[in-house]
mmCIF file of all heavy atoms, coordinates in Angstrom:
data_MODEL
# 
_entry.id   MODEL 
# 
loop_
_atom_site.group_PDB 
_atom_site.id 
_atom_site.type_symbol 
_atom_site.label_atom_id 
_atom_site.label_alt_id 
_atom_site.label_comp_id 
_atom_site.label_asym_id 
_atom_site.label_entity_id 
_atom_site.label_seq_id 
_atom_site.pdbx_PDB_ins_code 
_atom_site.Cartn_x 
_atom_site.Cartn_y 
_atom_site.Cartn_z 
_atom_site.occupancy 
_atom_site.B_iso_or_equiv 
_atom_site.pdbx_formal_charge 
_atom_site.auth_seq_id 
_atom_site.auth_comp_id 
_atom_site.auth_asym_id 
_atom_site.auth_atom_id 
_atom_site.pdbx_PDB_model_num 
ATOM 1   N N   . ILE A 1 1  ? -0.814  15.252 12.610 1.00 0.00 ? 1  ILE A N   1 
ATOM 2   C CA  . ILE A 1 1  ? -0.023  16.371 12.103 1.00 0.00 ? 1  ILE A CA  1 
ATOM 3   C C   . ILE A 1 1  ? -0.669  16.937 10.830 1.00 0.00 ? 1  ILE A C   1 
ATOM 4   O O   . ILE A 1 1  ? -0.481  18.098 10.479 1.00 0.00 ? 1  ILE A O   1 
ATOM 5   C CB  . ILE A 1 1  ? 1.441   15.946 11.834 1.00 0.00 ? 1  ILE A CB  1 
ATOM 6   C CG1 . ILE A 1 1  ? 2.323   17.174 11.578 1.00 0.00 ? 1  ILE A CG1 1 
ATOM 7   C CG2 . ILE A 1 1  ? 1.523   14.974 10.680 1.00 0.00 ? 1  ILE A CG2 1 
ATOM 8   C CD1 . ILE A 1 1  ? 3.805   16.854 11.464 1.00 0.00 ? 1  ILE A CD1 1 
ATOM 9   N N   . ASN A 1 2  ? -1.491  16.117 10.163 1.00 0.00 ? 2  ASN A N   1 
ATOM 10  C CA  . ASN A 1 2  ? -2.206  16.536 8.953  1.00 0.00 ? 2  ASN A CA  1 
ATOM 11  C C   . ASN A 1 2  ? -3.624  17.036 9.245  1.00 0.00 ? 2  ASN A C   1 
ATOM 12  O O   . ASN A 1 2  ? -4.379  17.329 8.318  1.00 0.00 ? 2  ASN A O   1 
ATOM 13  C CB  . ASN A 1 2  ? -2.291  15.387 7.947  1.00 0.00 ? 2  ASN A CB  1 
ATOM 14  C CG  . ASN A 1 2  ? -0.940  15.080 7.334  1.00 0.00 ? 2  ASN A CG  1 
ATOM 15  O OD1 . ASN A 1 2  ? -0.066  15.937 7.285  1.00 0.00 ? 2  ASN A OD1 1 
ATOM 16  N ND2 . ASN A 1 2  ? -0.765  13.850 6.864  1.00 0.00 ? 2  ASN A ND2 1 
ATOM 17  N N   . GLY A 1 3  ? -4.003  17.090 10.512 1.00 0.00 ? 3  GLY A N   1 
ATOM 18  C CA  . GLY A 1 3  ? -5.309  17.641 10.859 1.00 0.00 ? 3  GLY A CA  1 
ATOM 19  C C   . GLY A 1 3  ? -6.420  16.624 10.988 1.00 0.00 ? 3  GLY A C   1 
ATOM 20  O O   . GLY A 1 3  ? -7.593  16.997 11.038 1.00 0.00 ? 3  GLY A O   1 
ATOM 21  N N   . THR A 1 4  ? -6.091  15.341 11.046 1.00 0.00 ? 4  THR A N   1 
ATOM 22  C CA  . THR A 1 4  ? -7.133  14.320 11.191 1.00 0.00 ? 4  THR A CA  1 
ATOM 23  C C   . THR A 1 4  ? -7.326  13.979 12.671 1.00 0.00 ? 4  THR A C   1 
ATOM 24  O O   . THR A 1 4  ? -6.517  14.334 13.526 1.00 0.00 ? 4  THR A O   1 
ATOM 25  C CB  . THR A 1 4  ? -6.777  13.033 10.432 1.00 0.00 ? 4  THR A CB  1 
ATOM 26  O OG1 . THR A 1 4  ? -5.530  12.516 10.933 1.00 0.00 ? 4  THR A OG1 1 
ATOM 27  C CG2 . THR A 1 4  ? -6.659  13.305 8.952  1.00 0.00 ? 4  THR A CG2 1 
ATOM 28  N N   . THR A 1 5  ? -8.403  13.280 12.956 1.00 0.00 ? 5  THR A N   1 
ATOM 29  C CA  . THR A 1 5  ? -8.651  12.773 14.300 1.00 0.00 ? 5  THR A CA  1 
ATOM 30  C C   . THR A 1 5  ? -9.041  11.307 14.185 1.00 0.00 ? 5  THR A C   1 
ATOM 31  O O   . THR A 1 5  ? -9.686  10.907 13.220 1.00 0.00 ? 5  THR A O   1 
ATOM 32  C CB  . THR A 1 5  ? -9.767  13.577 15.006 1.00 0.00 ? 5  THR A CB  1 
ATOM 33  O OG1 . THR A 1 5  ? -9.956  13.055 16.325 1.00 0.00 ? 5  THR A OG1 1 
ATOM 34  C CG2 . THR A 1 5  ? -11.085 13.502 14.262 1.00 0.00 ? 5  THR A CG2 1 
ATOM 35  N N   . GLY A 1 6  ? -8.638  10.493 15.132 1.00 0.00 ? 6  GLY A N   1 
ATOM 36  C CA  . GLY A 1 6  ? -9.010  9.077  15.098 1.00 0.00 ? 6  GLY A CA  1 
ATOM 37  C C   . GLY A 1 6  ? -7.827  8.174  14.817 1.00 0.00 ? 6  GLY A C   1 
ATOM 38  O O   . GLY A 1 6  ? -6.965  8.493  13.991 1.00 0.00 ? 6  GLY A O   1 
ATOM 39  N N   . TYR A 1 7  ? -7.817  7.026  15.518 1.00 0.00 ? 7  TYR A N   1 
ATOM 40  C CA  . TYR A 1 7  ? -6.745  6.053  15.317 1.00 0.00 ? 7  TYR A CA  1 
ATOM 41  C C   . TYR A 1 7  ? -6.718  5.545  13.879 1.00 0.00 ? 7  TYR A C   1 
ATOM 42  O O   . TYR A 1 7  ? -5.658  5.360  13.277 1.00 0.00 ? 7  TYR A O   1 
ATOM 43  C CB  . TYR A 1 7  ? -6.939  4.834  16.228 1.00 0.00 ? 7  TYR A CB  1 
ATOM 44  C CG  . TYR A 1 7  ? -7.168  5.112  17.678 1.00 0.00 ? 7  TYR A CG  1 
ATOM 45  C CD1 . TYR A 1 7  ? -8.075  4.344  18.411 1.00 0.00 ? 7  TYR A CD1 1 
ATOM 46  C CD2 . TYR A 1 7  ? -6.479  6.120  18.346 1.00 0.00 ? 7  TYR A CD2 1 
ATOM 47  C CE1 . TYR A 1 7  ? -8.282  4.558  19.762 1.00 0.00 ? 7  TYR A CE1 1 
ATOM 48  C CE2 . TYR A 1 7  ? -6.683  6.349  19.699 1.00 0.00 ? 7  TYR A CE2 1 
ATOM 49  C CZ  . TYR A 1 7  ? -7.593  5.568  20.399 1.00 0.00 ? 7  TYR A CZ  1 
ATOM 50  O OH  . TYR A 1 7  ? -7.810  5.791  21.739 1.00 0.00 ? 7  TYR A OH  1 
ATOM 51  N N   . GLU A 1 8  ? -7.906  5.273  13.331 1.00 0.00 ? 8  GLU A N   1 
ATOM 52  C CA  . GLU A 1 8  ? -8.001  4.630  12.017 1.00 0.00 ? 8  GLU A CA  1 
ATOM 53  C C   . GLU A 1 8  ? -7.509  5.565  10.914 1.00 0.00 ? 8  GLU A C   1 
ATOM 54  O O   . GLU A 1 8  ? -6.783  5.143  10.003 1.00 0.00 ? 8  GLU A O   1 
ATOM 55  C CB  . GLU A 1 8  ? -9.453  4.215  11.753 1.00 0.00 ? 8  GLU A CB  1 
ATOM 56  C CG  . GLU A 1 8  ? -10.043 3.306  12.823 1.00 0.00 ? 8  GLU A CG  1 
ATOM 57  C CD  . GLU A 1 8  ? -10.573 4.042  14.063 1.00 0.00 ? 8  GLU A CD  1 
ATOM 58  O OE1 . GLU A 1 8  ? -10.521 5.285  14.101 1.00 0.00 ? 8  GLU A OE1 1 
ATOM 59  O OE2 . GLU A 1 8  ? -11.039 3.356  14.985 1.00 0.00 ? 8  GLU A OE2 1 
ATOM 60  N N   . GLU A 1 9  ? -7.927  6.844  10.998 1.00 0.00 ? 9  GLU A N   1 
ATOM 61  C CA  . GLU A 1 9  ? -7.468  7.829  10.016 1.00 0.00 ? 9  GLU A CA  1 
ATOM 62  C C   . GLU A 1 9  ? -5.951  7.977  10.072 1.00 0.00 ? 9  GLU A C   1 
ATOM 63  O O   . GLU A 1 9  ? -5.285  8.111  9.039  1.00 0.00 ? 9  GLU A O   1 
ATOM 64  C CB  . GLU A 1 9  ? -8.140  9.182  10.275 1.00 0.00 ? 9  GLU A CB  1 
ATOM 65  C CG  . GLU A 1 9  ? -9.616  9.235  9.940  1.00 0.00 ? 9  GLU A CG  1 
ATOM 66  C CD  . GLU A 1 9  ? -10.534 8.806  11.077 1.00 0.00 ? 9  GLU A CD  1 
ATOM 67  O OE1 . GLU A 1 9  ? -10.035 8.190  12.045 1.00 0.00 ? 9  GLU A OE1 1 
ATOM 68  O OE2 . GLU A 1 9  ? -11.746 9.077  11.010 1.00 0.00 ? 9  GLU A OE2 1 
ATOM 69  N N   . ALA A 1 10 ? -5.402  7.966  11.289 1.00 0.00 ? 10 ALA A N   1 
ATOM 70  C CA  . ALA A 1 10 ? -3.949  8.080  11.445 1.00 0.00 ? 10 ALA A CA  1 
ATOM 71  C C   . ALA A 1 10 ? -3.244  6.846  10.894 1.00 0.00 ? 10 ALA A C   1 
ATOM 72  O O   . ALA A 1 10 ? -2.246  6.947  10.170 1.00 0.00 ? 10 ALA A O   1 
ATOM 73  C CB  . ALA A 1 10 ? -3.600  8.269  12.922 1.00 0.00 ? 10 ALA A CB  1 
ATOM 74  N N   . ALA A 1 11 ? -3.764  5.673  11.239 1.00 0.00 ? 11 ALA A N   1 
ATOM 75  C CA  . ALA A 1 11 ? -3.119  4.424  10.826 1.00 0.00 ? 11 ALA A CA  1 
ATOM 76  C C   . ALA A 1 11 ? -3.039  4.287  9.311  1.00 0.00 ? 11 ALA A C   1 
ATOM 77  O O   . ALA A 1 11 ? -2.007  3.887  8.765  1.00 0.00 ? 11 ALA A O   1 
ATOM 78  C CB  . ALA A 1 11 ? -3.866  3.231  11.428 1.00 0.00 ? 11 ALA A CB  1 
ATOM 79  N N   . CYS A 1 12 ? -4.118  4.638  8.617  1.00 0.00 ? 12 CYS A N   1 
ATOM 80  C CA  . CYS A 1 12 ? -4.092  4.462  7.157  1.00 0.00 ? 12 CYS A CA  1 
ATOM 81  C C   . CYS A 1 12 ? -3.141  5.464  6.498  1.00 0.00 ? 12 CYS A C   1 
ATOM 82  O O   . CYS A 1 12 ? -2.491  5.147  5.499  1.00 0.00 ? 12 CYS A O   1 
ATOM 83  C CB  . CYS A 1 12 ? -5.491  4.545  6.555  1.00 0.00 ? 12 CYS A CB  1 
ATOM 84  S SG  . CYS A 1 12 ? -6.238  6.188  6.501  1.00 0.00 ? 12 CYS A SG  1 
ATOM 85  N N   . GLN A 1 13 ? -3.038  6.675  7.070  1.00 0.00 ? 13 GLN A N   1 
ATOM 86  C CA  . GLN A 1 13 ? -2.053  7.622  6.546  1.00 0.00 ? 13 GLN A CA  1 
ATOM 87  C C   . GLN A 1 13 ? -0.635  7.111  6.782  1.00 0.00 ? 13 GLN A C   1 
ATOM 88  O O   . GLN A 1 13 ? 0.234   7.218  5.912  1.00 0.00 ? 13 GLN A O   1 
ATOM 89  C CB  . GLN A 1 13 ? -2.209  8.970  7.226  1.00 0.00 ? 13 GLN A CB  1 
ATOM 90  C CG  . GLN A 1 13 ? -3.455  9.743  6.871  1.00 0.00 ? 13 GLN A CG  1 
ATOM 91  C CD  . GLN A 1 13 ? -3.548  10.993 7.709  1.00 0.00 ? 13 GLN A CD  1 
ATOM 92  O OE1 . GLN A 1 13 ? -2.806  11.938 7.501  1.00 0.00 ? 13 GLN A OE1 1 
ATOM 93  N NE2 . GLN A 1 13 ? -4.443  10.989 8.681  1.00 0.00 ? 13 GLN A NE2 1 
ATOM 94  N N   . GLY A 1 14 ? -0.402  6.554  7.979  1.00 0.00 ? 14 GLY A N   1 
ATOM 95  C CA  . GLY A 1 14 ? 0.907   5.993  8.271  1.00 0.00 ? 14 GLY A CA  1 
ATOM 96  C C   . GLY A 1 14 ? 1.264   4.891  7.304  1.00 0.00 ? 14 GLY A C   1 
ATOM 97  O O   . GLY A 1 14 ? 2.398   4.817  6.815  1.00 0.00 ? 14 GLY A O   1 
ATOM 98  N N   . LEU A 1 15 ? 0.294   4.023  7.023  1.00 0.00 ? 15 LEU A N   1 
ATOM 99  C CA  . LEU A 1 15 ? 0.520   2.934  6.071  1.00 0.00 ? 15 LEU A CA  1 
ATOM 100 C C   . LEU A 1 15 ? 0.953   3.475  4.716  1.00 0.00 ? 15 LEU A C   1 
ATOM 101 O O   . LEU A 1 15 ? 1.962   3.031  4.142  1.00 0.00 ? 15 LEU A O   1 
ATOM 102 C CB  . LEU A 1 15 ? -0.764  2.114  5.928  1.00 0.00 ? 15 LEU A CB  1 
ATOM 103 C CG  . LEU A 1 15 ? -0.687  0.935  4.960  1.00 0.00 ? 15 LEU A CG  1 
ATOM 104 C CD1 . LEU A 1 15 ? 0.005   -0.240 5.618  1.00 0.00 ? 15 LEU A CD1 1 
ATOM 105 C CD2 . LEU A 1 15 ? -2.074  0.518  4.494  1.00 0.00 ? 15 LEU A CD2 1 
ATOM 106 N N   . MET A 1 16 ? 0.204   4.466  4.187  1.00 0.00 ? 16 MET A N   1 
ATOM 107 C CA  . MET A 1 16 ? 0.514   4.993  2.855  1.00 0.00 ? 16 MET A CA  1 
ATOM 108 C C   . MET A 1 16 ? 1.823   5.783  2.858  1.00 0.00 ? 16 MET A C   1 
ATOM 109 O O   . MET A 1 16 ? 2.595   5.727  1.889  1.00 0.00 ? 16 MET A O   1 
ATOM 110 C CB  . MET A 1 16 ? -0.634  5.861  2.356  1.00 0.00 ? 16 MET A CB  1 
ATOM 111 C CG  . MET A 1 16 ? -1.959  5.127  2.203  1.00 0.00 ? 16 MET A CG  1 
ATOM 112 S SD  . MET A 1 16 ? -1.849  3.564  1.269  1.00 0.00 ? 16 MET A SD  1 
ATOM 113 C CE  . MET A 1 16 ? -1.296  4.154  -0.345 1.00 0.00 ? 16 MET A CE  1 
ATOM 114 N N   . ALA A 1 17 ? 2.091   6.520  3.947  1.00 0.00 ? 17 ALA A N   1 
ATOM 115 C CA  . ALA A 1 17 ? 3.353   7.253  4.034  1.00 0.00 ? 17 ALA A CA  1 
ATOM 116 C C   . ALA A 1 17 ? 4.529   6.281  4.101  1.00 0.00 ? 17 ALA A C   1 
ATOM 117 O O   . ALA A 1 17 ? 5.570   6.495  3.468  1.00 0.00 ? 17 ALA A O   1 
ATOM 118 C CB  . ALA A 1 17 ? 3.349   8.165  5.253  1.00 0.00 ? 17 ALA A CB  1 
ATOM 119 N N   . GLY A 1 18 ? 4.370   5.206  4.884  1.00 0.00 ? 18 GLY A N   1 
ATOM 120 C CA  . GLY A 1 18 ? 5.426   4.197  4.972  1.00 0.00 ? 18 GLY A CA  1 
ATOM 121 C C   . GLY A 1 18 ? 5.682   3.523  3.639  1.00 0.00 ? 18 GLY A C   1 
ATOM 122 O O   . GLY A 1 18 ? 6.841   3.300  3.243  1.00 0.00 ? 18 GLY A O   1 
ATOM 123 N N   . ILE A 1 19 ? 4.599   3.196  2.930  1.00 0.00 ? 19 ILE A N   1 
ATOM 124 C CA  . ILE A 1 19 ? 4.732   2.583  1.603  1.00 0.00 ? 19 ILE A CA  1 
ATOM 125 C C   . ILE A 1 19 ? 5.499   3.505  0.673  1.00 0.00 ? 19 ILE A C   1 
ATOM 126 O O   . ILE A 1 19 ? 6.470   3.096  0.002  1.00 0.00 ? 19 ILE A O   1 
ATOM 127 C CB  . ILE A 1 19 ? 3.344   2.270  1.017  1.00 0.00 ? 19 ILE A CB  1 
ATOM 128 C CG1 . ILE A 1 19 ? 2.688   1.090  1.749  1.00 0.00 ? 19 ILE A CG1 1 
ATOM 129 C CG2 . ILE A 1 19 ? 3.429   1.979  -0.488 1.00 0.00 ? 19 ILE A CG2 1 
ATOM 130 C CD1 . ILE A 1 19 ? 1.233   0.863  1.381  1.00 0.00 ? 19 ILE A CD1 1 
ATOM 131 N N   . ASN A 1 20 ? 5.093   4.766  0.601  1.00 0.00 ? 20 ASN A N   1 
ATOM 132 C CA  . ASN A 1 20 ? 5.695   5.682  -0.365 1.00 0.00 ? 20 ASN A CA  1 
ATOM 133 C C   . ASN A 1 20 ? 7.080   6.154  0.054  1.00 0.00 ? 20 ASN A C   1 
ATOM 134 O O   . ASN A 1 20 ? 7.929   6.440  -0.811 1.00 0.00 ? 20 ASN A O   1 
ATOM 135 C CB  . ASN A 1 20 ? 4.758   6.858  -0.615 1.00 0.00 ? 20 ASN A CB  1 
ATOM 136 C CG  . ASN A 1 20 ? 3.581   6.452  -1.485 1.00 0.00 ? 20 ASN A CG  1 
ATOM 137 O OD1 . ASN A 1 20 ? 3.750   5.786  -2.502 1.00 0.00 ? 20 ASN A OD1 1 
ATOM 138 N ND2 . ASN A 1 20 ? 2.381   6.832  -1.081 1.00 0.00 ? 20 ASN A ND2 1 
ATOM 139 N N   . ALA A 1 21 ? 7.349   6.225  1.362  1.00 0.00 ? 21 ALA A N   1 
ATOM 140 C CA  . ALA A 1 21 ? 8.707   6.537  1.805  1.00 0.00 ? 21 ALA A CA  1 
ATOM 141 C C   . ALA A 1 21 ? 9.659   5.425  1.387  1.00 0.00 ? 21 ALA A C   1 
ATOM 142 O O   . ALA A 1 21 ? 10.778  5.687  0.901  1.00 0.00 ? 21 ALA A O   1 
ATOM 143 C CB  . ALA A 1 21 ? 8.732   6.729  3.323  1.00 0.00 ? 21 ALA A CB  1 
ATOM 144 N N   . ALA A 1 22 ? 9.230   4.177  1.561  1.00 0.00 ? 22 ALA A N   1 
ATOM 145 C CA  . ALA A 1 22 ? 10.064  3.042  1.162  1.00 0.00 ? 22 ALA A CA  1 
ATOM 146 C C   . ALA A 1 22 ? 10.270  3.028  -0.348 1.00 0.00 ? 22 ALA A C   1 
ATOM 147 O O   . ALA A 1 22 ? 11.389  2.791  -0.834 1.00 0.00 ? 22 ALA A O   1 
ATOM 148 C CB  . ALA A 1 22 ? 9.423   1.734  1.628  1.00 0.00 ? 22 ALA A CB  1 
ATOM 149 N N   . ARG A 1 23 ? 9.210   3.288  -1.099 1.00 0.00 ? 23 ARG A N   1 
ATOM 150 C CA  . ARG A 1 23 ? 9.333   3.255  -2.558 1.00 0.00 ? 23 ARG A CA  1 
ATOM 151 C C   . ARG A 1 23 ? 10.185  4.429  -3.059 1.00 0.00 ? 23 ARG A C   1 
ATOM 152 O O   . ARG A 1 23 ? 10.917  4.283  -4.039 1.00 0.00 ? 23 ARG A O   1 
ATOM 153 C CB  . ARG A 1 23 ? 7.942   3.255  -3.194 1.00 0.00 ? 23 ARG A CB  1 
ATOM 154 C CG  . ARG A 1 23 ? 7.227   1.920  -2.985 1.00 0.00 ? 23 ARG A CG  1 
ATOM 155 C CD  . ARG A 1 23 ? 5.873   1.869  -3.638 1.00 0.00 ? 23 ARG A CD  1 
ATOM 156 N NE  . ARG A 1 23 ? 5.936   1.776  -5.089 1.00 0.00 ? 23 ARG A NE  1 
ATOM 157 C CZ  . ARG A 1 23 ? 6.130   0.659  -5.760 1.00 0.00 ? 23 ARG A CZ  1 
ATOM 158 N NH1 . ARG A 1 23 ? 6.311   -0.489 -5.118 1.00 0.00 ? 23 ARG A NH1 1 
ATOM 159 N NH2 . ARG A 1 23 ? 6.143   0.662  -7.076 1.00 0.00 ? 23 ARG A NH2 1 
ATOM 160 N N   . ASN A 1 24 ? 10.095  5.579  -2.397 1.00 0.00 ? 24 ASN A N   1 
ATOM 161 C CA  . ASN A 1 24 ? 10.991  6.685  -2.744 1.00 0.00 ? 24 ASN A CA  1 
ATOM 162 C C   . ASN A 1 24 ? 12.447  6.282  -2.553 1.00 0.00 ? 24 ASN A C   1 
ATOM 163 O O   . ASN A 1 24 ? 13.300  6.544  -3.402 1.00 0.00 ? 24 ASN A O   1 
ATOM 164 C CB  . ASN A 1 24 ? 10.688  7.900  -1.867 1.00 0.00 ? 24 ASN A CB  1 
ATOM 165 C CG  . ASN A 1 24 ? 9.746   8.887  -2.524 1.00 0.00 ? 24 ASN A CG  1 
ATOM 166 O OD1 . ASN A 1 24 ? 9.007   8.517  -3.430 1.00 0.00 ? 24 ASN A OD1 1 
ATOM 167 N ND2 . ASN A 1 24 ? 9.761   10.122 -2.058 1.00 0.00 ? 24 ASN A ND2 1 
ATOM 168 N N   . ALA A 1 25 ? 12.726  5.657  -1.403 1.00 0.00 ? 25 ALA A N   1 
ATOM 169 C CA  . ALA A 1 25 ? 14.096  5.250  -1.083 1.00 0.00 ? 25 ALA A CA  1 
ATOM 170 C C   . ALA A 1 25 ? 14.617  4.213  -2.073 1.00 0.00 ? 25 ALA A C   1 
ATOM 171 O O   . ALA A 1 25 ? 15.832  4.113  -2.305 1.00 0.00 ? 25 ALA A O   1 
ATOM 172 C CB  . ALA A 1 25 ? 14.148  4.700  0.336  1.00 0.00 ? 25 ALA A CB  1 
ATOM 173 N N   . MET A 1 26 ? 13.695  3.445  -2.661 1.00 0.00 ? 26 MET A N   1 
ATOM 174 C CA  . MET A 1 26 ? 14.073  2.400  -3.619 1.00 0.00 ? 26 MET A CA  1 
ATOM 175 C C   . MET A 1 26 ? 13.927  2.851  -5.069 1.00 0.00 ? 26 MET A C   1 
ATOM 176 O O   . MET A 1 26 ? 14.034  2.037  -5.988 1.00 0.00 ? 26 MET A O   1 
ATOM 177 C CB  . MET A 1 26 ? 13.204  1.153  -3.379 1.00 0.00 ? 26 MET A CB  1 
ATOM 178 C CG  . MET A 1 26 ? 13.360  0.549  -1.999 1.00 0.00 ? 26 MET A CG  1 
ATOM 179 S SD  . MET A 1 26 ? 12.135  -0.770 -1.727 1.00 0.00 ? 26 MET A SD  1 
ATOM 180 C CE  . MET A 1 26 ? 12.433  -1.161 0.006  1.00 0.00 ? 26 MET A CE  1 
ATOM 181 N N   . ASP A 1 27 ? 13.644  4.162  -5.262 1.00 0.00 ? 27 ASP A N   1 
ATOM 182 C CA  . ASP A 1 27 ? 13.467  4.729  -6.611 1.00 0.00 ? 27 ASP A CA  1 
ATOM 183 C C   . ASP A 1 27 ? 12.364  4.020  -7.398 1.00 0.00 ? 27 ASP A C   1 
ATOM 184 O O   . ASP A 1 27 ? 12.513  3.736  -8.596 1.00 0.00 ? 27 ASP A O   1 
ATOM 185 C CB  . ASP A 1 27 ? 14.792  4.681  -7.397 1.00 0.00 ? 27 ASP A CB  1 
ATOM 186 C CG  . ASP A 1 27 ? 15.861  5.559  -6.772 1.00 0.00 ? 27 ASP A CG  1 
ATOM 187 O OD1 . ASP A 1 27 ? 15.519  6.656  -6.313 1.00 0.00 ? 27 ASP A OD1 1 
ATOM 188 O OD2 . ASP A 1 27 ? 17.034  5.123  -6.736 1.00 0.00 ? 27 ASP A OD2 1 
# 
């Protein structure tokens, strides 16, 4: 959705988005 290609590029973005979504929810 961000314009990347490749499993690895997607996975690392997912990891960082998941980390920061959780930290946002926890302030």
